Amino acid sequence: MIAKYGSIRGLVNLHRLVYELQSEGVLKTDFTFIKYSFGYYSKDLEELLSTLRRLELIRIRRSGDGTEVVEITETGLKVLEAVKGFKEGSVGRI
């Protein structure tokens, strides 16, 4: 999803986007969301983001105004392309 949009400004926005897409059945995930005063939050999603960051598949940086920006890294793009190719059957079979 981050690759599709290039980057997503704000972790709150990312949580809201995933919540809405999951609720509408567009995104097939099973994150548990809790509604807070600032919007929906998922600890599961936050843990996934932390893991993706440790694996250097995404980066989270602060923009000039202090907003967190989530971006996919070059490594993340390569992994995404490999997974896409595997799903499409263009990767060698075992």
N, C-alpha and C. Protein backbone atom coordinates (compact mmCIF):
# COMPACT_ATOMS: atom_id res chain seq x y z
N MET A 1 0.82 -1.17 0.00
CA MET A 1 0.00 0.00 0.00
C MET A 1 0.87 1.25 0.00
N ILE A 2 1.93 1.25 0.78
CA ILE A 2 2.83 2.41 0.80
C ILE A 2 3.47 2.59 -0.57
N ALA A 3 3.84 1.49 -1.22
CA ALA A 3 4.43 1.58 -2.55
C ALA A 3 3.46 2.20 -3.54
N LYS A 4 2.18 1.89 -3.40
CA LYS A 4 1.17 2.43 -4.30
C LYS A 4 1.06 3.94 -4.19
N TYR A 5 1.15 4.46 -2.96
CA TYR A 5 1.00 5.90 -2.73
C TYR A 5 2.33 6.64 -2.71
N GLY A 6 3.45 5.93 -2.73
CA GLY A 6 4.77 6.56 -2.68
C GLY A 6 5.22 6.79 -1.26
N SER A 7 4.41 7.47 -0.50
CA SER A 7 4.66 7.65 0.93
C SER A 7 3.33 8.01 1.57
N ILE A 8 3.27 7.85 2.85
CA ILE A 8 2.07 8.22 3.59
C ILE A 8 2.50 9.14 4.72
N ARG A 9 1.89 10.31 4.75
CA ARG A 9 2.23 11.31 5.77
C ARG A 9 1.40 11.07 7.02
N GLY A 10 2.07 10.76 8.11
CA GLY A 10 1.40 10.61 9.39
C GLY A 10 1.00 9.18 9.70
N LEU A 11 1.44 8.70 10.84
CA LEU A 11 1.06 7.34 11.25
C LEU A 11 -0.43 7.25 11.54
N VAL A 12 -1.03 8.32 12.03
CA VAL A 12 -2.47 8.33 12.26
C VAL A 12 -3.19 8.14 10.93
N ASN A 13 -2.72 8.81 9.90
CA ASN A 13 -3.32 8.66 8.57
C ASN A 13 -3.17 7.24 8.05
N LEU A 14 -2.01 6.64 8.29
CA LEU A 14 -1.79 5.26 7.84
C LEU A 14 -2.75 4.31 8.56
N HIS A 15 -2.86 4.46 9.87
CA HIS A 15 -3.79 3.61 10.63
C HIS A 15 -5.22 3.79 10.12
N ARG A 16 -5.63 5.04 9.88
CA ARG A 16 -6.98 5.31 9.40
C ARG A 16 -7.21 4.69 8.02
N LEU A 17 -6.24 4.83 7.13
CA LEU A 17 -6.36 4.28 5.79
C LEU A 17 -6.48 2.75 5.83
N VAL A 18 -5.63 2.10 6.61
CA VAL A 18 -5.70 0.64 6.72
C VAL A 18 -7.03 0.22 7.34
N TYR A 19 -7.48 0.94 8.36
CA TYR A 19 -8.76 0.63 9.00
C TYR A 19 -9.90 0.72 7.98
N GLU A 20 -9.95 1.81 7.24
CA GLU A 20 -11.03 2.00 6.26
C GLU A 20 -10.99 0.94 5.17
N LEU A 21 -9.81 0.65 4.63
CA LEU A 21 -9.71 -0.35 3.57
C LEU A 21 -10.04 -1.75 4.09
N GLN A 22 -9.64 -2.05 5.31
CA GLN A 22 -9.97 -3.34 5.90
C GLN A 22 -11.47 -3.44 6.16
N SER A 23 -12.07 -2.37 6.68
CA SER A 23 -13.50 -2.35 6.98
C SER A 23 -14.35 -2.53 5.74
N GLU A 24 -13.88 -1.98 4.63
CA GLU A 24 -14.61 -2.07 3.37
C GLU A 24 -14.34 -3.38 2.62
N GLY A 25 -13.43 -4.19 3.15
CA GLY A 25 -13.12 -5.47 2.51
C GLY A 25 -12.15 -5.35 1.36
N VAL A 26 -11.61 -4.16 1.13
CA VAL A 26 -10.66 -3.95 0.05
C VAL A 26 -9.30 -4.54 0.41
N LEU A 27 -8.93 -4.41 1.67
CA LEU A 27 -7.66 -4.92 2.16
C LEU A 27 -7.94 -6.13 3.03
N LYS A 28 -7.40 -7.26 2.65
CA LYS A 28 -7.66 -8.52 3.35
C LYS A 28 -6.67 -8.70 4.49
N THR A 29 -6.89 -7.98 5.59
CA THR A 29 -6.07 -8.10 6.79
C THR A 29 -6.98 -8.32 7.97
N ASP A 30 -6.40 -8.71 9.09
CA ASP A 30 -7.21 -8.93 10.28
C ASP A 30 -6.65 -8.17 11.48
N PHE A 31 -6.23 -6.95 11.24
CA PHE A 31 -5.74 -6.11 12.32
C PHE A 31 -6.90 -5.77 13.26
N THR A 32 -6.63 -5.72 14.54
CA THR A 32 -7.61 -5.29 15.53
C THR A 32 -7.40 -3.81 15.78
N PHE A 33 -8.45 -3.03 15.59
CA PHE A 33 -8.37 -1.58 15.77
C PHE A 33 -9.17 -1.15 16.99
N ILE A 34 -8.67 -0.15 17.68
CA ILE A 34 -9.35 0.47 18.80
C ILE A 34 -9.55 1.94 18.45
N LYS A 35 -10.76 2.44 18.71
CA LYS A 35 -11.03 3.85 18.41
C LYS A 35 -10.55 4.72 19.58
N TYR A 36 -9.69 5.66 19.24
CA TYR A 36 -9.20 6.65 20.20
C TYR A 36 -9.71 8.01 19.76
N SER A 37 -9.46 9.02 20.55
CA SER A 37 -9.95 10.37 20.22
C SER A 37 -9.37 10.89 18.90
N PHE A 38 -8.17 10.45 18.54
CA PHE A 38 -7.54 10.92 17.30
C PHE A 38 -7.81 10.00 16.12
N GLY A 39 -8.51 8.89 16.33
CA GLY A 39 -8.84 7.96 15.25
C GLY A 39 -8.57 6.53 15.65
N TYR A 40 -8.57 5.66 14.68
CA TYR A 40 -8.38 4.24 14.93
C TYR A 40 -6.89 3.90 15.02
N TYR A 41 -6.58 2.98 15.93
CA TYR A 41 -5.20 2.57 16.17
C TYR A 41 -5.15 1.06 16.29
N SER A 42 -4.12 0.45 15.71
CA SER A 42 -3.93 -1.00 15.80
C SER A 42 -2.52 -1.30 16.31
N LYS A 43 -2.45 -1.97 17.44
CA LYS A 43 -1.15 -2.39 17.96
C LYS A 43 -0.51 -3.38 17.00
N ASP A 44 -1.33 -4.25 16.39
CA ASP A 44 -0.83 -5.23 15.42
C ASP A 44 -0.15 -4.53 14.24
N LEU A 45 -0.80 -3.51 13.73
CA LEU A 45 -0.24 -2.75 12.61
C LEU A 45 1.04 -2.05 13.03
N GLU A 46 1.05 -1.49 14.23
CA GLU A 46 2.25 -0.81 14.73
C GLU A 46 3.42 -1.79 14.85
N GLU A 47 3.14 -3.01 15.31
CA GLU A 47 4.19 -4.03 15.43
C GLU A 47 4.70 -4.44 14.05
N LEU A 48 3.80 -4.55 13.07
CA LEU A 48 4.22 -4.88 11.71
C LEU A 48 5.11 -3.77 11.15
N LEU A 49 4.73 -2.52 11.36
CA LEU A 49 5.54 -1.40 10.89
C LEU A 49 6.93 -1.43 11.54
N SER A 50 6.97 -1.76 12.82
CA SER A 50 8.25 -1.85 13.52
C SER A 50 9.13 -2.95 12.92
N THR A 51 8.52 -4.08 12.61
CA THR A 51 9.26 -5.19 12.00
C THR A 51 9.77 -4.81 10.60
N LEU A 52 8.91 -4.20 9.80
CA LEU A 52 9.31 -3.78 8.45
C LEU A 52 10.44 -2.76 8.51
N ARG A 53 10.39 -1.92 9.52
CA ARG A 53 11.45 -0.92 9.70
C ARG A 53 12.78 -1.58 10.09
N ARG A 54 12.72 -2.54 11.02
CA ARG A 54 13.94 -3.25 11.43
C ARG A 54 14.55 -4.01 10.25
N LEU A 55 13.71 -4.54 9.37
CA LEU A 55 14.18 -5.26 8.19
C LEU A 55 14.61 -4.31 7.07
N GLU A 56 14.47 -3.01 7.33
CA GLU A 56 14.82 -1.96 6.37
C GLU A 56 14.00 -2.05 5.08
N LEU A 57 12.74 -2.48 5.21
CA LEU A 57 11.84 -2.52 4.06
C LEU A 57 11.04 -1.22 3.96
N ILE A 58 10.88 -0.53 5.09
CA ILE A 58 10.29 0.81 5.10
C ILE A 58 11.17 1.71 5.96
N ARG A 59 10.97 3.01 5.82
CA ARG A 59 11.62 3.96 6.72
C ARG A 59 10.54 4.94 7.18
N ILE A 60 10.71 5.43 8.38
CA ILE A 60 9.81 6.44 8.92
C ILE A 60 10.68 7.64 9.29
N ARG A 61 10.44 8.74 8.62
CA ARG A 61 11.26 9.93 8.86
C ARG A 61 10.34 11.08 9.24
N ARG A 62 10.93 12.09 9.78
CA ARG A 62 10.18 13.30 10.14
C ARG A 62 10.38 14.36 9.05
N SER A 63 9.28 14.91 8.61
CA SER A 63 9.36 15.98 7.62
C SER A 63 9.70 17.28 8.34
N GLY A 64 9.86 18.34 7.59
CA GLY A 64 10.22 19.63 8.16
C GLY A 64 9.22 20.14 9.19
N ASP A 65 7.95 19.77 9.03
CA ASP A 65 6.93 20.23 9.99
C ASP A 65 6.73 19.25 11.14
N GLY A 66 7.58 18.19 11.20
CA GLY A 66 7.50 17.23 12.29
C GLY A 66 6.59 16.05 12.05
N THR A 67 5.92 16.03 10.92
CA THR A 67 5.03 14.92 10.58
C THR A 67 5.85 13.69 10.21
N GLU A 68 5.43 12.53 10.71
CA GLU A 68 6.10 11.28 10.33
C GLU A 68 5.68 10.90 8.93
N VAL A 69 6.65 10.52 8.11
CA VAL A 69 6.39 10.10 6.74
C VAL A 69 6.89 8.67 6.60
N VAL A 70 5.99 7.78 6.18
CA VAL A 70 6.32 6.37 6.00
C VAL A 70 6.59 6.16 4.51
N GLU A 71 7.77 5.60 4.21
CA GLU A 71 8.18 5.37 2.82
C GLU A 71 8.71 3.95 2.67
N ILE A 72 8.53 3.39 1.50
CA ILE A 72 9.13 2.09 1.21
C ILE A 72 10.57 2.32 0.74
N THR A 73 11.47 1.46 1.15
CA THR A 73 12.88 1.59 0.76
C THR A 73 13.12 0.87 -0.56
N GLU A 74 14.31 1.05 -1.11
CA GLU A 74 14.68 0.31 -2.33
C GLU A 74 14.62 -1.19 -2.07
N THR A 75 15.11 -1.61 -0.92
CA THR A 75 15.05 -3.04 -0.56
C THR A 75 13.61 -3.50 -0.49
N GLY A 76 12.76 -2.67 0.10
CA GLY A 76 11.34 -3.00 0.18
C GLY A 76 10.70 -3.15 -1.19
N LEU A 77 11.07 -2.26 -2.12
CA LEU A 77 10.56 -2.36 -3.49
C LEU A 77 11.01 -3.64 -4.18
N LYS A 78 12.29 -4.02 -3.96
CA LYS A 78 12.80 -5.25 -4.56
C LYS A 78 12.07 -6.47 -4.01
N VAL A 79 11.84 -6.49 -2.69
CA VAL A 79 11.11 -7.61 -2.09
C VAL A 79 9.69 -7.65 -2.64
N LEU A 80 9.05 -6.50 -2.74
CA LEU A 80 7.69 -6.43 -3.27
C LEU A 80 7.62 -6.96 -4.69
N GLU A 81 8.56 -6.57 -5.53
CA GLU A 81 8.60 -7.05 -6.91
C GLU A 81 8.83 -8.56 -6.96
N ALA A 82 9.70 -9.07 -6.09
CA ALA A 82 9.96 -10.52 -6.06
C ALA A 82 8.71 -11.28 -5.64
N VAL A 83 8.00 -10.76 -4.66
CA VAL A 83 6.77 -11.41 -4.20
C VAL A 83 5.71 -11.35 -5.29
N LYS A 84 5.60 -10.21 -5.95
CA LYS A 84 4.65 -10.06 -7.05
C LYS A 84 4.96 -11.08 -8.15
N GLY A 85 6.23 -11.18 -8.51
CA GLY A 85 6.64 -12.13 -9.54
C GLY A 85 6.34 -13.55 -9.14
N PHE A 86 6.54 -13.87 -7.88
CA PHE A 86 6.26 -15.21 -7.38
C PHE A 86 4.77 -15.51 -7.47
N LYS A 87 3.95 -14.56 -7.08
CA LYS A 87 2.50 -14.74 -7.14
C LYS A 87 2.01 -14.87 -8.57
N GLU A 88 2.68 -14.19 -9.49
CA GLU A 88 2.27 -14.23 -10.89
C GLU A 88 2.87 -15.43 -11.63
N GLY A 89 3.71 -16.18 -10.96
CA GLY A 89 4.26 -17.40 -11.55
C GLY A 89 5.50 -17.17 -12.40
N SER A 90 6.08 -15.97 -12.37
CA SER A 90 7.26 -15.73 -13.20
C SER A 90 8.56 -16.13 -12.52
N VAL A 91 8.49 -16.56 -11.29
CA VAL A 91 9.67 -17.02 -10.58
C VAL A 91 9.74 -18.53 -10.76
N GLY A 92 10.94 -19.06 -10.85
CA GLY A 92 11.12 -20.50 -11.05
C GLY A 92 10.38 -21.34 -10.03
N ARG A 93 9.94 -22.52 -10.44
CA ARG A 93 9.20 -23.40 -9.53
C ARG A 93 10.13 -24.40 -8.88
N ILE A 94 9.71 -24.81 -7.71
CA ILE A 94 10.51 -25.81 -6.97
C ILE A 94 10.00 -27.20 -7.29
